[in-house]
Protein backbone atom coordinates (compact mmCIF):
# COMPACT_ATOMS: atom_id res chain seq x y z
CA MET A 1 117.09 -103.29 -87.53
CA LYS A 2 120.65 -103.94 -86.36
CA PRO A 3 123.71 -102.28 -87.94
CA PHE A 4 124.83 -105.55 -89.57
CA SER A 5 121.47 -105.88 -91.37
CA HIS A 6 121.73 -102.27 -92.54
CA ALA A 7 125.25 -102.99 -93.81
CA LYS A 8 123.99 -106.04 -95.74
CA ASN A 9 121.35 -103.81 -97.34
CA SER A 10 124.08 -101.35 -98.29
CA VAL A 11 126.03 -104.17 -99.96
CA ASN A 12 122.90 -105.17 -101.91
CA THR A 13 122.41 -101.58 -103.04
CA HIS A 14 125.97 -100.35 -103.59
CA GLY A 15 128.20 -103.44 -103.79
CA GLY A 16 131.31 -104.09 -101.77
CA VAL A 17 131.34 -106.00 -98.50
CA VAL A 18 129.60 -105.52 -95.15
CA GLU A 19 132.77 -104.16 -93.55
CA ASP A 20 132.70 -101.21 -95.98
CA TYR A 21 129.56 -99.90 -94.28
CA MET A 22 129.64 -101.14 -90.69
CA ARG A 23 131.32 -98.06 -89.16
CA ILE A 24 128.63 -95.79 -90.58
CA HIS A 25 125.72 -97.96 -89.47
CA ASP A 26 127.29 -98.57 -86.06
CA PHE A 27 127.65 -94.82 -85.60
CA ILE A 28 124.04 -94.09 -86.56
CA ASP A 29 122.86 -96.62 -83.97
CA SER A 30 125.50 -95.70 -81.35
CA SER A 31 122.93 -93.75 -79.34
CA LYS A 32 121.56 -97.14 -78.23
CA ALA A 33 124.47 -97.17 -75.76
CA VAL A 34 122.82 -94.42 -73.72
CA VAL A 35 119.12 -94.83 -74.58
CA PRO A 36 118.41 -98.55 -75.01
CA ASP A 37 114.95 -98.15 -76.53
CA MET A 38 113.53 -96.62 -79.70
CA ARG A 39 113.96 -93.07 -78.34
CA HIS A 40 117.65 -93.37 -79.21
CA ARG A 41 116.62 -92.65 -82.80
CA ALA A 42 115.86 -89.03 -81.91
CA MET A 43 119.61 -88.35 -81.87
CA LEU A 44 120.77 -89.43 -85.34
CA HIS A 45 117.76 -90.81 -87.25
CA SER A 46 116.80 -87.46 -88.78
CA ALA A 47 117.83 -85.04 -91.51
CA TRP A 48 120.17 -83.40 -88.96
CA GLY A 49 121.65 -86.78 -88.00
CA ILE A 50 122.30 -87.59 -91.65
CA TYR A 51 124.14 -84.27 -91.97
CA ILE A 52 126.26 -85.13 -88.89
CA VAL A 53 127.10 -88.57 -90.33
CA GLU A 54 128.31 -86.93 -93.54
CA GLN A 55 130.42 -84.43 -91.58
CA ILE A 56 132.11 -87.27 -89.67
CA PHE A 57 132.62 -89.80 -92.46
CA GLY A 58 133.01 -87.43 -95.40
CA THR A 59 131.00 -87.04 -98.56
CA TRP A 60 132.09 -90.33 -100.13
CA ILE A 61 133.48 -93.71 -99.23
CA THR A 62 135.10 -96.06 -101.71
CA ASN A 63 133.86 -99.60 -101.17
CA SER A 64 135.82 -102.81 -101.76
CA ASP A 65 134.64 -102.91 -105.37
CA GLY A 66 136.31 -99.53 -105.93
CA LYS A 67 132.93 -97.81 -106.26
CA LYS A 68 132.47 -94.36 -104.73
CA VAL A 69 129.30 -94.24 -102.61
CA GLN A 70 127.81 -91.10 -101.08
CA VAL A 71 127.73 -91.30 -97.29
CA ARG A 72 124.49 -89.31 -97.32
CA ASP A 73 122.85 -92.07 -99.38
CA ILE A 74 123.99 -94.73 -96.91
CA ALA A 75 122.67 -92.75 -93.93
CA GLU A 76 119.38 -91.88 -95.64
CA GLU A 77 118.81 -95.55 -96.52
CA HIS A 78 119.46 -96.50 -92.87
CA VAL A 79 116.85 -94.04 -91.59
CA LEU A 80 114.35 -94.99 -94.29
CA ASP A 81 114.78 -98.69 -93.47
CA ASP A 82 114.07 -97.99 -89.79
CA LEU A 83 111.37 -95.33 -89.98
CA GLY A 84 109.99 -95.29 -93.52
CA PHE A 85 110.67 -91.56 -93.86
CA ILE A 86 113.32 -89.04 -92.84
CA PRO A 87 112.06 -86.94 -89.94
CA THR A 88 113.31 -83.48 -89.11
CA MET A 89 114.50 -82.51 -85.65
CA GLN A 90 111.24 -80.57 -85.34
CA ASP A 91 109.33 -83.85 -85.77
CA TYR A 92 111.09 -85.18 -82.68
CA LEU A 93 111.16 -81.97 -80.66
CA GLU A 94 107.48 -81.18 -81.00
CA CYS A 95 106.85 -84.41 -79.08
CA MET A 96 109.20 -83.34 -76.28
CA GLU A 97 107.82 -81.77 -73.14
CA LEU A 98 109.58 -78.55 -72.17
CA LYS A 99 111.06 -78.66 -68.67
CA PRO A 100 112.13 -75.67 -66.57
CA TRP A 101 115.80 -76.75 -66.59
CA MET A 102 115.87 -76.43 -70.39
CA GLY A 103 115.71 -72.66 -70.01
CA GLY A 104 119.18 -72.53 -68.53
CA ALA A 105 120.63 -71.77 -65.14
CA LYS A 106 118.86 -69.29 -62.92
CA ARG A 107 121.36 -67.01 -61.28
CA LYS A 108 120.75 -65.77 -57.83
CA THR A 109 121.84 -62.25 -57.10
CA ARG A 110 123.97 -61.84 -54.04
CA PHE A 111 123.86 -58.84 -51.83
CA ILE A 112 127.38 -57.66 -51.17
CA PRO A 113 127.45 -55.04 -48.40
CA ILE A 114 129.61 -52.00 -48.99
CA ASP A 115 131.70 -51.00 -45.96
């Protein structure tokens, strides 16, 4: 679902106008810019991603109708619309293959001769 459709759903649920919600929905789907397939959802379509959205946009927004709406509710509804449930990061990570580079840099020791 595209951000505009999510924003229309937010209007139906919370009132206001589409523009009240577009920045939040655009942000949640912004990972499409670097991963243009469904894997982009691993970045923000999770309980952790919802937490990040709330940290960035604050706890509440006030829509055009003057109604205070919890940002967490908007983000949760976005993820539920896309996935049908709210996954944890563990749900995503347990599907990820561990690669040697994920363990960090391997330092080579250098022999420095003493004169």
